[in-house]
Amino acid sequence: ISLNLILGYGGMVSFGHALYMGLGA
């Protein structure tokens, strides 16, 4: 859902979004 905000609605194809998931962990 977090990625869809920038990819689906903003057209920003982030191929490093796992960075923030790992950072939270």
PDBML (XML) file of the C-alpha atoms, coordinates in Angstrom:
<?xml version="1.0" encoding="UTF-8" ?>
<PDBx:datablock datablockName="MODEL"
   xmlns:PDBx="http://pdbml.pdb.org/schema/pdbx-v50.xsd"
   xmlns:xsi="http://www.w3.org/2001/XMLSchema-instance"
   xsi:schemaLocation="http://pdbml.pdb.org/schema/pdbx-v50.xsd pdbx-v50.xsd">
   <PDBx:atom_siteCategory>
      <PDBx:atom_site id="1">
         <PDBx:B_iso_or_equiv>0.00</PDBx:B_iso_or_equiv>
         <PDBx:Cartn_x>0.000</PDBx:Cartn_x>
         <PDBx:Cartn_y>0.000</PDBx:Cartn_y>
         <PDBx:Cartn_z>0.000</PDBx:Cartn_z>
         <PDBx:auth_asym_id>A</PDBx:auth_asym_id>
         <PDBx:auth_atom_id>CA</PDBx:auth_atom_id>
         <PDBx:auth_comp_id>ILE</PDBx:auth_comp_id>
         <PDBx:auth_seq_id>1</PDBx:auth_seq_id>
         <PDBx:group_PDB>ATOM</PDBx:group_PDB>
         <PDBx:label_alt_id xsi:nil="true" />
         <PDBx:label_asym_id>A</PDBx:label_asym_id>
         <PDBx:label_atom_id>CA</PDBx:label_atom_id>
         <PDBx:label_comp_id>ILE</PDBx:label_comp_id>
         <PDBx:label_entity_id>1</PDBx:label_entity_id>
         <PDBx:label_seq_id>1</PDBx:label_seq_id>
         <PDBx:occupancy>1.00</PDBx:occupancy>
         <PDBx:pdbx_PDB_model_num>1</PDBx:pdbx_PDB_model_num>
         <PDBx:type_symbol>C</PDBx:type_symbol>
      </PDBx:atom_site>
      <PDBx:atom_site id="2">
         <PDBx:B_iso_or_equiv>0.00</PDBx:B_iso_or_equiv>
         <PDBx:Cartn_x>2.855</PDBx:Cartn_x>
         <PDBx:Cartn_y>2.354</PDBx:Cartn_y>
         <PDBx:Cartn_z>0.836</PDBx:Cartn_z>
         <PDBx:auth_asym_id>A</PDBx:auth_asym_id>
         <PDBx:auth_atom_id>CA</PDBx:auth_atom_id>
         <PDBx:auth_comp_id>SER</PDBx:auth_comp_id>
         <PDBx:auth_seq_id>2</PDBx:auth_seq_id>
         <PDBx:group_PDB>ATOM</PDBx:group_PDB>
         <PDBx:label_alt_id xsi:nil="true" />
         <PDBx:label_asym_id>A</PDBx:label_asym_id>
         <PDBx:label_atom_id>CA</PDBx:label_atom_id>
         <PDBx:label_comp_id>SER</PDBx:label_comp_id>
         <PDBx:label_entity_id>1</PDBx:label_entity_id>
         <PDBx:label_seq_id>2</PDBx:label_seq_id>
         <PDBx:occupancy>1.00</PDBx:occupancy>
         <PDBx:pdbx_PDB_model_num>1</PDBx:pdbx_PDB_model_num>
         <PDBx:type_symbol>C</PDBx:type_symbol>
      </PDBx:atom_site>
      <PDBx:atom_site id="3">
         <PDBx:B_iso_or_equiv>0.00</PDBx:B_iso_or_equiv>
         <PDBx:Cartn_x>4.540</PDBx:Cartn_x>
         <PDBx:Cartn_y>1.617</PDBx:Cartn_y>
         <PDBx:Cartn_z>-2.516</PDBx:Cartn_z>
         <PDBx:auth_asym_id>A</PDBx:auth_asym_id>
         <PDBx:auth_atom_id>CA</PDBx:auth_atom_id>
         <PDBx:auth_comp_id>LEU</PDBx:auth_comp_id>
         <PDBx:auth_seq_id>3</PDBx:auth_seq_id>
         <PDBx:group_PDB>ATOM</PDBx:group_PDB>
         <PDBx:label_alt_id xsi:nil="true" />
         <PDBx:label_asym_id>A</PDBx:label_asym_id>
         <PDBx:label_atom_id>CA</PDBx:label_atom_id>
         <PDBx:label_comp_id>LEU</PDBx:label_comp_id>
         <PDBx:label_entity_id>1</PDBx:label_entity_id>
         <PDBx:label_seq_id>3</PDBx:label_seq_id>
         <PDBx:occupancy>1.00</PDBx:occupancy>
         <PDBx:pdbx_PDB_model_num>1</PDBx:pdbx_PDB_model_num>
         <PDBx:type_symbol>C</PDBx:type_symbol>
      </PDBx:atom_site>
      <PDBx:atom_site id="4">
         <PDBx:B_iso_or_equiv>0.00</PDBx:B_iso_or_equiv>
         <PDBx:Cartn_x>1.256</PDBx:Cartn_x>
         <PDBx:Cartn_y>2.019</PDBx:Cartn_y>
         <PDBx:Cartn_z>-4.405</PDBx:Cartn_z>
         <PDBx:auth_asym_id>A</PDBx:auth_asym_id>
         <PDBx:auth_atom_id>CA</PDBx:auth_atom_id>
         <PDBx:auth_comp_id>ASN</PDBx:auth_comp_id>
         <PDBx:auth_seq_id>4</PDBx:auth_seq_id>
         <PDBx:group_PDB>ATOM</PDBx:group_PDB>
         <PDBx:label_alt_id xsi:nil="true" />
         <PDBx:label_asym_id>A</PDBx:label_asym_id>
         <PDBx:label_atom_id>CA</PDBx:label_atom_id>
         <PDBx:label_comp_id>ASN</PDBx:label_comp_id>
         <PDBx:label_entity_id>1</PDBx:label_entity_id>
         <PDBx:label_seq_id>4</PDBx:label_seq_id>
         <PDBx:occupancy>1.00</PDBx:occupancy>
         <PDBx:pdbx_PDB_model_num>1</PDBx:pdbx_PDB_model_num>
         <PDBx:type_symbol>C</PDBx:type_symbol>
      </PDBx:atom_site>
      <PDBx:atom_site id="5">
         <PDBx:B_iso_or_equiv>0.00</PDBx:B_iso_or_equiv>
         <PDBx:Cartn_x>1.004</PDBx:Cartn_x>
         <PDBx:Cartn_y>5.593</PDBx:Cartn_y>
         <PDBx:Cartn_z>-3.154</PDBx:Cartn_z>
         <PDBx:auth_asym_id>A</PDBx:auth_asym_id>
         <PDBx:auth_atom_id>CA</PDBx:auth_atom_id>
         <PDBx:auth_comp_id>LEU</PDBx:auth_comp_id>
         <PDBx:auth_seq_id>5</PDBx:auth_seq_id>
         <PDBx:group_PDB>ATOM</PDBx:group_PDB>
         <PDBx:label_alt_id xsi:nil="true" />
         <PDBx:label_asym_id>A</PDBx:label_asym_id>
         <PDBx:label_atom_id>CA</PDBx:label_atom_id>
         <PDBx:label_comp_id>LEU</PDBx:label_comp_id>
         <PDBx:label_entity_id>1</PDBx:label_entity_id>
         <PDBx:label_seq_id>5</PDBx:label_seq_id>
         <PDBx:occupancy>1.00</PDBx:occupancy>
         <PDBx:pdbx_PDB_model_num>1</PDBx:pdbx_PDB_model_num>
         <PDBx:type_symbol>C</PDBx:type_symbol>
      </PDBx:atom_site>
      <PDBx:atom_site id="6">
         <PDBx:B_iso_or_equiv>0.00</PDBx:B_iso_or_equiv>
         <PDBx:Cartn_x>4.093</PDBx:Cartn_x>
         <PDBx:Cartn_y>6.618</PDBx:Cartn_y>
         <PDBx:Cartn_z>-5.131</PDBx:Cartn_z>
         <PDBx:auth_asym_id>A</PDBx:auth_asym_id>
         <PDBx:auth_atom_id>CA</PDBx:auth_atom_id>
         <PDBx:auth_comp_id>ILE</PDBx:auth_comp_id>
         <PDBx:auth_seq_id>6</PDBx:auth_seq_id>
         <PDBx:group_PDB>ATOM</PDBx:group_PDB>
         <PDBx:label_alt_id xsi:nil="true" />
         <PDBx:label_asym_id>A</PDBx:label_asym_id>
         <PDBx:label_atom_id>CA</PDBx:label_atom_id>
         <PDBx:label_comp_id>ILE</PDBx:label_comp_id>
         <PDBx:label_entity_id>1</PDBx:label_entity_id>
         <PDBx:label_seq_id>6</PDBx:label_seq_id>
         <PDBx:occupancy>1.00</PDBx:occupancy>
         <PDBx:pdbx_PDB_model_num>1</PDBx:pdbx_PDB_model_num>
         <PDBx:type_symbol>C</PDBx:type_symbol>
      </PDBx:atom_site>
      <PDBx:atom_site id="7">
         <PDBx:B_iso_or_equiv>0.00</PDBx:B_iso_or_equiv>
         <PDBx:Cartn_x>4.021</PDBx:Cartn_x>
         <PDBx:Cartn_y>3.979</PDBx:Cartn_y>
         <PDBx:Cartn_z>-7.885</PDBx:Cartn_z>
         <PDBx:auth_asym_id>A</PDBx:auth_asym_id>
         <PDBx:auth_atom_id>CA</PDBx:auth_atom_id>
         <PDBx:auth_comp_id>LEU</PDBx:auth_comp_id>
         <PDBx:auth_seq_id>7</PDBx:auth_seq_id>
         <PDBx:group_PDB>ATOM</PDBx:group_PDB>
         <PDBx:label_alt_id xsi:nil="true" />
         <PDBx:label_asym_id>A</PDBx:label_asym_id>
         <PDBx:label_atom_id>CA</PDBx:label_atom_id>
         <PDBx:label_comp_id>LEU</PDBx:label_comp_id>
         <PDBx:label_entity_id>1</PDBx:label_entity_id>
         <PDBx:label_seq_id>7</PDBx:label_seq_id>
         <PDBx:occupancy>1.00</PDBx:occupancy>
         <PDBx:pdbx_PDB_model_num>1</PDBx:pdbx_PDB_model_num>
         <PDBx:type_symbol>C</PDBx:type_symbol>
      </PDBx:atom_site>
      <PDBx:atom_site id="8">
         <PDBx:B_iso_or_equiv>0.00</PDBx:B_iso_or_equiv>
         <PDBx:Cartn_x>0.328</PDBx:Cartn_x>
         <PDBx:Cartn_y>3.727</PDBx:Cartn_y>
         <PDBx:Cartn_z>-8.659</PDBx:Cartn_z>
         <PDBx:auth_asym_id>A</PDBx:auth_asym_id>
         <PDBx:auth_atom_id>CA</PDBx:auth_atom_id>
         <PDBx:auth_comp_id>GLY</PDBx:auth_comp_id>
         <PDBx:auth_seq_id>8</PDBx:auth_seq_id>
         <PDBx:group_PDB>ATOM</PDBx:group_PDB>
         <PDBx:label_alt_id xsi:nil="true" />
         <PDBx:label_asym_id>A</PDBx:label_asym_id>
         <PDBx:label_atom_id>CA</PDBx:label_atom_id>
         <PDBx:label_comp_id>GLY</PDBx:label_comp_id>
         <PDBx:label_entity_id>1</PDBx:label_entity_id>
         <PDBx:label_seq_id>8</PDBx:label_seq_id>
         <PDBx:occupancy>1.00</PDBx:occupancy>
         <PDBx:pdbx_PDB_model_num>1</PDBx:pdbx_PDB_model_num>
         <PDBx:type_symbol>C</PDBx:type_symbol>
      </PDBx:atom_site>
      <PDBx:atom_site id="9">
         <PDBx:B_iso_or_equiv>0.00</PDBx:B_iso_or_equiv>
         <PDBx:Cartn_x>-0.613</PDBx:Cartn_x>
         <PDBx:Cartn_y>7.371</PDBx:Cartn_y>
         <PDBx:Cartn_z>-8.133</PDBx:Cartn_z>
         <PDBx:auth_asym_id>A</PDBx:auth_asym_id>
         <PDBx:auth_atom_id>CA</PDBx:auth_atom_id>
         <PDBx:auth_comp_id>TYR</PDBx:auth_comp_id>
         <PDBx:auth_seq_id>9</PDBx:auth_seq_id>
         <PDBx:group_PDB>ATOM</PDBx:group_PDB>
         <PDBx:label_alt_id xsi:nil="true" />
         <PDBx:label_asym_id>A</PDBx:label_asym_id>
         <PDBx:label_atom_id>CA</PDBx:label_atom_id>
         <PDBx:label_comp_id>TYR</PDBx:label_comp_id>
         <PDBx:label_entity_id>1</PDBx:label_entity_id>
         <PDBx:label_seq_id>9</PDBx:label_seq_id>
         <PDBx:occupancy>1.00</PDBx:occupancy>
         <PDBx:pdbx_PDB_model_num>1</PDBx:pdbx_PDB_model_num>
         <PDBx:type_symbol>C</PDBx:type_symbol>
      </PDBx:atom_site>
      <PDBx:atom_site id="10">
         <PDBx:B_iso_or_equiv>0.00</PDBx:B_iso_or_equiv>
         <PDBx:Cartn_x>2.690</PDBx:Cartn_x>
         <PDBx:Cartn_y>9.203</PDBx:Cartn_y>
         <PDBx:Cartn_z>-8.555</PDBx:Cartn_z>
         <PDBx:auth_asym_id>A</PDBx:auth_asym_id>
         <PDBx:auth_atom_id>CA</PDBx:auth_atom_id>
         <PDBx:auth_comp_id>GLY</PDBx:auth_comp_id>
         <PDBx:auth_seq_id>10</PDBx:auth_seq_id>
         <PDBx:group_PDB>ATOM</PDBx:group_PDB>
         <PDBx:label_alt_id xsi:nil="true" />
         <PDBx:label_asym_id>A</PDBx:label_asym_id>
         <PDBx:label_atom_id>CA</PDBx:label_atom_id>
         <PDBx:label_comp_id>GLY</PDBx:label_comp_id>
         <PDBx:label_entity_id>1</PDBx:label_entity_id>
         <PDBx:label_seq_id>10</PDBx:label_seq_id>
         <PDBx:occupancy>1.00</PDBx:occupancy>
         <PDBx:pdbx_PDB_model_num>1</PDBx:pdbx_PDB_model_num>
         <PDBx:type_symbol>C</PDBx:type_symbol>
      </PDBx:atom_site>
      <PDBx:atom_site id="11">
         <PDBx:B_iso_or_equiv>0.00</PDBx:B_iso_or_equiv>
         <PDBx:Cartn_x>4.298</PDBx:Cartn_x>
         <PDBx:Cartn_y>7.110</PDBx:Cartn_y>
         <PDBx:Cartn_z>-11.278</PDBx:Cartn_z>
         <PDBx:auth_asym_id>A</PDBx:auth_asym_id>
         <PDBx:auth_atom_id>CA</PDBx:auth_atom_id>
         <PDBx:auth_comp_id>GLY</PDBx:auth_comp_id>
         <PDBx:auth_seq_id>11</PDBx:auth_seq_id>
         <PDBx:group_PDB>ATOM</PDBx:group_PDB>
         <PDBx:label_alt_id xsi:nil="true" />
         <PDBx:label_asym_id>A</PDBx:label_asym_id>
         <PDBx:label_atom_id>CA</PDBx:label_atom_id>
         <PDBx:label_comp_id>GLY</PDBx:label_comp_id>
         <PDBx:label_entity_id>1</PDBx:label_entity_id>
         <PDBx:label_seq_id>11</PDBx:label_seq_id>
         <PDBx:occupancy>1.00</PDBx:occupancy>
         <PDBx:pdbx_PDB_model_num>1</PDBx:pdbx_PDB_model_num>
         <PDBx:type_symbol>C</PDBx:type_symbol>
      </PDBx:atom_site>
      <PDBx:atom_site id="12">
         <PDBx:B_iso_or_equiv>0.00</PDBx:B_iso_or_equiv>
         <PDBx:Cartn_x>7.505</PDBx:Cartn_x>
         <PDBx:Cartn_y>6.757</PDBx:Cartn_y>
         <PDBx:Cartn_z>-9.222</PDBx:Cartn_z>
         <PDBx:auth_asym_id>A</PDBx:auth_asym_id>
         <PDBx:auth_atom_id>CA</PDBx:auth_atom_id>
         <PDBx:auth_comp_id>MET</PDBx:auth_comp_id>
         <PDBx:auth_seq_id>12</PDBx:auth_seq_id>
         <PDBx:group_PDB>ATOM</PDBx:group_PDB>
         <PDBx:label_alt_id xsi:nil="true" />
         <PDBx:label_asym_id>A</PDBx:label_asym_id>
         <PDBx:label_atom_id>CA</PDBx:label_atom_id>
         <PDBx:label_comp_id>MET</PDBx:label_comp_id>
         <PDBx:label_entity_id>1</PDBx:label_entity_id>
         <PDBx:label_seq_id>12</PDBx:label_seq_id>
         <PDBx:occupancy>1.00</PDBx:occupancy>
         <PDBx:pdbx_PDB_model_num>1</PDBx:pdbx_PDB_model_num>
         <PDBx:type_symbol>C</PDBx:type_symbol>
      </PDBx:atom_site>
      <PDBx:atom_site id="13">
         <PDBx:B_iso_or_equiv>0.00</PDBx:B_iso_or_equiv>
         <PDBx:Cartn_x>8.913</PDBx:Cartn_x>
         <PDBx:Cartn_y>3.251</PDBx:Cartn_y>
         <PDBx:Cartn_z>-9.760</PDBx:Cartn_z>
         <PDBx:auth_asym_id>A</PDBx:auth_asym_id>
         <PDBx:auth_atom_id>CA</PDBx:auth_atom_id>
         <PDBx:auth_comp_id>VAL</PDBx:auth_comp_id>
         <PDBx:auth_seq_id>13</PDBx:auth_seq_id>
         <PDBx:group_PDB>ATOM</PDBx:group_PDB>
         <PDBx:label_alt_id xsi:nil="true" />
         <PDBx:label_asym_id>A</PDBx:label_asym_id>
         <PDBx:label_atom_id>CA</PDBx:label_atom_id>
         <PDBx:label_comp_id>VAL</PDBx:label_comp_id>
         <PDBx:label_entity_id>1</PDBx:label_entity_id>
         <PDBx:label_seq_id>13</PDBx:label_seq_id>
         <PDBx:occupancy>1.00</PDBx:occupancy>
         <PDBx:pdbx_PDB_model_num>1</PDBx:pdbx_PDB_model_num>
         <PDBx:type_symbol>C</PDBx:type_symbol>
      </PDBx:atom_site>
      <PDBx:atom_site id="14">
         <PDBx:B_iso_or_equiv>0.00</PDBx:B_iso_or_equiv>
         <PDBx:Cartn_x>10.947</PDBx:Cartn_x>
         <PDBx:Cartn_y>2.708</PDBx:Cartn_y>
         <PDBx:Cartn_z>-6.598</PDBx:Cartn_z>
         <PDBx:auth_asym_id>A</PDBx:auth_asym_id>
         <PDBx:auth_atom_id>CA</PDBx:auth_atom_id>
         <PDBx:auth_comp_id>SER</PDBx:auth_comp_id>
         <PDBx:auth_seq_id>14</PDBx:auth_seq_id>
         <PDBx:group_PDB>ATOM</PDBx:group_PDB>
         <PDBx:label_alt_id xsi:nil="true" />
         <PDBx:label_asym_id>A</PDBx:label_asym_id>
         <PDBx:label_atom_id>CA</PDBx:label_atom_id>
         <PDBx:label_comp_id>SER</PDBx:label_comp_id>
         <PDBx:label_entity_id>1</PDBx:label_entity_id>
         <PDBx:label_seq_id>14</PDBx:label_seq_id>
         <PDBx:occupancy>1.00</PDBx:occupancy>
         <PDBx:pdbx_PDB_model_num>1</PDBx:pdbx_PDB_model_num>
         <PDBx:type_symbol>C</PDBx:type_symbol>
      </PDBx:atom_site>
      <PDBx:atom_site id="15">
         <PDBx:B_iso_or_equiv>0.00</PDBx:B_iso_or_equiv>
         <PDBx:Cartn_x>13.042</PDBx:Cartn_x>
         <PDBx:Cartn_y>-0.449</PDBx:Cartn_y>
         <PDBx:Cartn_z>-6.837</PDBx:Cartn_z>
         <PDBx:auth_asym_id>A</PDBx:auth_asym_id>
         <PDBx:auth_atom_id>CA</PDBx:auth_atom_id>
         <PDBx:auth_comp_id>PHE</PDBx:auth_comp_id>
         <PDBx:auth_seq_id>15</PDBx:auth_seq_id>
         <PDBx:group_PDB>ATOM</PDBx:group_PDB>
         <PDBx:label_alt_id xsi:nil="true" />
         <PDBx:label_asym_id>A</PDBx:label_asym_id>
         <PDBx:label_atom_id>CA</PDBx:label_atom_id>
         <PDBx:label_comp_id>PHE</PDBx:label_comp_id>
         <PDBx:label_entity_id>1</PDBx:label_entity_id>
         <PDBx:label_seq_id>15</PDBx:label_seq_id>
         <PDBx:occupancy>1.00</PDBx:occupancy>
         <PDBx:pdbx_PDB_model_num>1</PDBx:pdbx_PDB_model_num>
         <PDBx:type_symbol>C</PDBx:type_symbol>
      </PDBx:atom_site>
      <PDBx:atom_site id="16">
         <PDBx:B_iso_or_equiv>0.00</PDBx:B_iso_or_equiv>
         <PDBx:Cartn_x>14.494</PDBx:Cartn_x>
         <PDBx:Cartn_y>0.048</PDBx:Cartn_y>
         <PDBx:Cartn_z>-3.374</PDBx:Cartn_z>
         <PDBx:auth_asym_id>A</PDBx:auth_asym_id>
         <PDBx:auth_atom_id>CA</PDBx:auth_atom_id>
         <PDBx:auth_comp_id>GLY</PDBx:auth_comp_id>
         <PDBx:auth_seq_id>16</PDBx:auth_seq_id>
         <PDBx:group_PDB>ATOM</PDBx:group_PDB>
         <PDBx:label_alt_id xsi:nil="true" />
         <PDBx:label_asym_id>A</PDBx:label_asym_id>
         <PDBx:label_atom_id>CA</PDBx:label_atom_id>
         <PDBx:label_comp_id>GLY</PDBx:label_comp_id>
         <PDBx:label_entity_id>1</PDBx:label_entity_id>
         <PDBx:label_seq_id>16</PDBx:label_seq_id>
         <PDBx:occupancy>1.00</PDBx:occupancy>
         <PDBx:pdbx_PDB_model_num>1</PDBx:pdbx_PDB_model_num>
         <PDBx:type_symbol>C</PDBx:type_symbol>
      </PDBx:atom_site>
      <PDBx:atom_site id="17">
         <PDBx:B_iso_or_equiv>0.00</PDBx:B_iso_or_equiv>
         <PDBx:Cartn_x>11.412</PDBx:Cartn_x>
         <PDBx:Cartn_y>0.337</PDBx:Cartn_y>
         <PDBx:Cartn_z>-1.189</PDBx:Cartn_z>
         <PDBx:auth_asym_id>A</PDBx:auth_asym_id>
         <PDBx:auth_atom_id>CA</PDBx:auth_atom_id>
         <PDBx:auth_comp_id>HIS</PDBx:auth_comp_id>
         <PDBx:auth_seq_id>17</PDBx:auth_seq_id>
         <PDBx:group_PDB>ATOM</PDBx:group_PDB>
         <PDBx:label_alt_id xsi:nil="true" />
         <PDBx:label_asym_id>A</PDBx:label_asym_id>
         <PDBx:label_atom_id>CA</PDBx:label_atom_id>
         <PDBx:label_comp_id>HIS</PDBx:label_comp_id>
         <PDBx:label_entity_id>1</PDBx:label_entity_id>
         <PDBx:label_seq_id>17</PDBx:label_seq_id>
         <PDBx:occupancy>1.00</PDBx:occupancy>
         <PDBx:pdbx_PDB_model_num>1</PDBx:pdbx_PDB_model_num>
         <PDBx:type_symbol>C</PDBx:type_symbol>
      </PDBx:atom_site>
      <PDBx:atom_site id="18">
         <PDBx:B_iso_or_equiv>0.00</PDBx:B_iso_or_equiv>
         <PDBx:Cartn_x>12.498</PDBx:Cartn_x>
         <PDBx:Cartn_y>-2.669</PDBx:Cartn_y>
         <PDBx:Cartn_z>0.868</PDBx:Cartn_z>
         <PDBx:auth_asym_id>A</PDBx:auth_asym_id>
         <PDBx:auth_atom_id>CA</PDBx:auth_atom_id>
         <PDBx:auth_comp_id>ALA</PDBx:auth_comp_id>
         <PDBx:auth_seq_id>18</PDBx:auth_seq_id>
         <PDBx:group_PDB>ATOM</PDBx:group_PDB>
         <PDBx:label_alt_id xsi:nil="true" />
         <PDBx:label_asym_id>A</PDBx:label_asym_id>
         <PDBx:label_atom_id>CA</PDBx:label_atom_id>
         <PDBx:label_comp_id>ALA</PDBx:label_comp_id>
         <PDBx:label_entity_id>1</PDBx:label_entity_id>
         <PDBx:label_seq_id>18</PDBx:label_seq_id>
         <PDBx:occupancy>1.00</PDBx:occupancy>
         <PDBx:pdbx_PDB_model_num>1</PDBx:pdbx_PDB_model_num>
         <PDBx:type_symbol>C</PDBx:type_symbol>
      </PDBx:atom_site>
      <PDBx:atom_site id="19">
         <PDBx:B_iso_or_equiv>0.00</PDBx:B_iso_or_equiv>
         <PDBx:Cartn_x>15.053</PDBx:Cartn_x>
         <PDBx:Cartn_y>-0.303</PDBx:Cartn_y>
         <PDBx:Cartn_z>2.411</PDBx:Cartn_z>
         <PDBx:auth_asym_id>A</PDBx:auth_asym_id>
         <PDBx:auth_atom_id>CA</PDBx:auth_atom_id>
         <PDBx:auth_comp_id>LEU</PDBx:auth_comp_id>
         <PDBx:auth_seq_id>19</PDBx:auth_seq_id>
         <PDBx:group_PDB>ATOM</PDBx:group_PDB>
         <PDBx:label_alt_id xsi:nil="true" />
         <PDBx:label_asym_id>A</PDBx:label_asym_id>
         <PDBx:label_atom_id>CA</PDBx:label_atom_id>
         <PDBx:label_comp_id>LEU</PDBx:label_comp_id>
         <PDBx:label_entity_id>1</PDBx:label_entity_id>
         <PDBx:label_seq_id>19</PDBx:label_seq_id>
         <PDBx:occupancy>1.00</PDBx:occupancy>
         <PDBx:pdbx_PDB_model_num>1</PDBx:pdbx_PDB_model_num>
         <PDBx:type_symbol>C</PDBx:type_symbol>
      </PDBx:atom_site>
      <PDBx:atom_site id="20">
         <PDBx:B_iso_or_equiv>0.00</PDBx:B_iso_or_equiv>
         <PDBx:Cartn_x>12.376</PDBx:Cartn_x>
         <PDBx:Cartn_y>1.140</PDBx:Cartn_y>
         <PDBx:Cartn_z>4.703</PDBx:Cartn_z>
         <PDBx:auth_asym_id>A</PDBx:auth_asym_id>
         <PDBx:auth_atom_id>CA</PDBx:auth_atom_id>
         <PDBx:auth_comp_id>TYR</PDBx:auth_comp_id>
         <PDBx:auth_seq_id>20</PDBx:auth_seq_id>
         <PDBx:group_PDB>ATOM</PDBx:group_PDB>
         <PDBx:label_alt_id xsi:nil="true" />
         <PDBx:label_asym_id>A</PDBx:label_asym_id>
         <PDBx:label_atom_id>CA</PDBx:label_atom_id>
         <PDBx:label_comp_id>TYR</PDBx:label_comp_id>
         <PDBx:label_entity_id>1</PDBx:label_entity_id>
         <PDBx:label_seq_id>20</PDBx:label_seq_id>
         <PDBx:occupancy>1.00</PDBx:occupancy>
         <PDBx:pdbx_PDB_model_num>1</PDBx:pdbx_PDB_model_num>
         <PDBx:type_symbol>C</PDBx:type_symbol>
      </PDBx:atom_site>
      <PDBx:atom_site id="21">
         <PDBx:B_iso_or_equiv>0.00</PDBx:B_iso_or_equiv>
         <PDBx:Cartn_x>10.914</PDBx:Cartn_x>
         <PDBx:Cartn_y>-2.228</PDBx:Cartn_y>
         <PDBx:Cartn_z>5.585</PDBx:Cartn_z>
         <PDBx:auth_asym_id>A</PDBx:auth_asym_id>
         <PDBx:auth_atom_id>CA</PDBx:auth_atom_id>
         <PDBx:auth_comp_id>MET</PDBx:auth_comp_id>
         <PDBx:auth_seq_id>21</PDBx:auth_seq_id>
         <PDBx:group_PDB>ATOM</PDBx:group_PDB>
         <PDBx:label_alt_id xsi:nil="true" />
         <PDBx:label_asym_id>A</PDBx:label_asym_id>
         <PDBx:label_atom_id>CA</PDBx:label_atom_id>
         <PDBx:label_comp_id>MET</PDBx:label_comp_id>
         <PDBx:label_entity_id>1</PDBx:label_entity_id>
         <PDBx:label_seq_id>21</PDBx:label_seq_id>
         <PDBx:occupancy>1.00</PDBx:occupancy>
         <PDBx:pdbx_PDB_model_num>1</PDBx:pdbx_PDB_model_num>
         <PDBx:type_symbol>C</PDBx:type_symbol>
      </PDBx:atom_site>
      <PDBx:atom_site id="22">
         <PDBx:B_iso_or_equiv>0.00</PDBx:B_iso_or_equiv>
         <PDBx:Cartn_x>14.365</PDBx:Cartn_x>
         <PDBx:Cartn_y>-3.433</PDBx:Cartn_y>
         <PDBx:Cartn_z>6.615</PDBx:Cartn_z>
         <PDBx:auth_asym_id>A</PDBx:auth_asym_id>
         <PDBx:auth_atom_id>CA</PDBx:auth_atom_id>
         <PDBx:auth_comp_id>GLY</PDBx:auth_comp_id>
         <PDBx:auth_seq_id>22</PDBx:auth_seq_id>
         <PDBx:group_PDB>ATOM</PDBx:group_PDB>
         <PDBx:label_alt_id xsi:nil="true" />
         <PDBx:label_asym_id>A</PDBx:label_asym_id>
         <PDBx:label_atom_id>CA</PDBx:label_atom_id>
         <PDBx:label_comp_id>GLY</PDBx:label_comp_id>
         <PDBx:label_entity_id>1</PDBx:label_entity_id>
         <PDBx:label_seq_id>22</PDBx:label_seq_id>
         <PDBx:occupancy>1.00</PDBx:occupancy>
         <PDBx:pdbx_PDB_model_num>1</PDBx:pdbx_PDB_model_num>
         <PDBx:type_symbol>C</PDBx:type_symbol>
      </PDBx:atom_site>
      <PDBx:atom_site id="23">
         <PDBx:B_iso_or_equiv>0.00</PDBx:B_iso_or_equiv>
         <PDBx:Cartn_x>15.036</PDBx:Cartn_x>
         <PDBx:Cartn_y>-0.184</PDBx:Cartn_y>
         <PDBx:Cartn_z>8.447</PDBx:Cartn_z>
         <PDBx:auth_asym_id>A</PDBx:auth_asym_id>
         <PDBx:auth_atom_id>CA</PDBx:auth_atom_id>
         <PDBx:auth_comp_id>LEU</PDBx:auth_comp_id>
         <PDBx:auth_seq_id>23</PDBx:auth_seq_id>
         <PDBx:group_PDB>ATOM</PDBx:group_PDB>
         <PDBx:label_alt_id xsi:nil="true" />
         <PDBx:label_asym_id>A</PDBx:label_asym_id>
         <PDBx:label_atom_id>CA</PDBx:label_atom_id>
         <PDBx:label_comp_id>LEU</PDBx:label_comp_id>
         <PDBx:label_entity_id>1</PDBx:label_entity_id>
         <PDBx:label_seq_id>23</PDBx:label_seq_id>
         <PDBx:occupancy>1.00</PDBx:occupancy>
         <PDBx:pdbx_PDB_model_num>1</PDBx:pdbx_PDB_model_num>
         <PDBx:type_symbol>C</PDBx:type_symbol>
      </PDBx:atom_site>
      <PDBx:atom_site id="24">
         <PDBx:B_iso_or_equiv>0.00</PDBx:B_iso_or_equiv>
         <PDBx:Cartn_x>11.892</PDBx:Cartn_x>
         <PDBx:Cartn_y>-0.609</PDBx:Cartn_y>
         <PDBx:Cartn_z>10.535</PDBx:Cartn_z>
         <PDBx:auth_asym_id>A</PDBx:auth_asym_id>
         <PDBx:auth_atom_id>CA</PDBx:auth_atom_id>
         <PDBx:auth_comp_id>GLY</PDBx:auth_comp_id>
         <PDBx:auth_seq_id>24</PDBx:auth_seq_id>
         <PDBx:group_PDB>ATOM</PDBx:group_PDB>
         <PDBx:label_alt_id xsi:nil="true" />
         <PDBx:label_asym_id>A</PDBx:label_asym_id>
         <PDBx:label_atom_id>CA</PDBx:label_atom_id>
         <PDBx:label_comp_id>GLY</PDBx:label_comp_id>
         <PDBx:label_entity_id>1</PDBx:label_entity_id>
         <PDBx:label_seq_id>24</PDBx:label_seq_id>
         <PDBx:occupancy>1.00</PDBx:occupancy>
         <PDBx:pdbx_PDB_model_num>1</PDBx:pdbx_PDB_model_num>
         <PDBx:type_symbol>C</PDBx:type_symbol>
      </PDBx:atom_site>
      <PDBx:atom_site id="25">
         <PDBx:B_iso_or_equiv>0.00</PDBx:B_iso_or_equiv>
         <PDBx:Cartn_x>12.877</PDBx:Cartn_x>
         <PDBx:Cartn_y>-4.175</PDBx:Cartn_y>
         <PDBx:Cartn_z>11.390</PDBx:Cartn_z>
         <PDBx:auth_asym_id>A</PDBx:auth_asym_id>
         <PDBx:auth_atom_id>CA</PDBx:auth_atom_id>
         <PDBx:auth_comp_id>ALA</PDBx:auth_comp_id>
         <PDBx:auth_seq_id>25</PDBx:auth_seq_id>
         <PDBx:group_PDB>ATOM</PDBx:group_PDB>
         <PDBx:label_alt_id xsi:nil="true" />
         <PDBx:label_asym_id>A</PDBx:label_asym_id>
         <PDBx:label_atom_id>CA</PDBx:label_atom_id>
         <PDBx:label_comp_id>ALA</PDBx:label_comp_id>
         <PDBx:label_entity_id>1</PDBx:label_entity_id>
         <PDBx:label_seq_id>25</PDBx:label_seq_id>
         <PDBx:occupancy>1.00</PDBx:occupancy>
         <PDBx:pdbx_PDB_model_num>1</PDBx:pdbx_PDB_model_num>
         <PDBx:type_symbol>C</PDBx:type_symbol>
      </PDBx:atom_site>
   </PDBx:atom_siteCategory>
</PDBx:datablock>
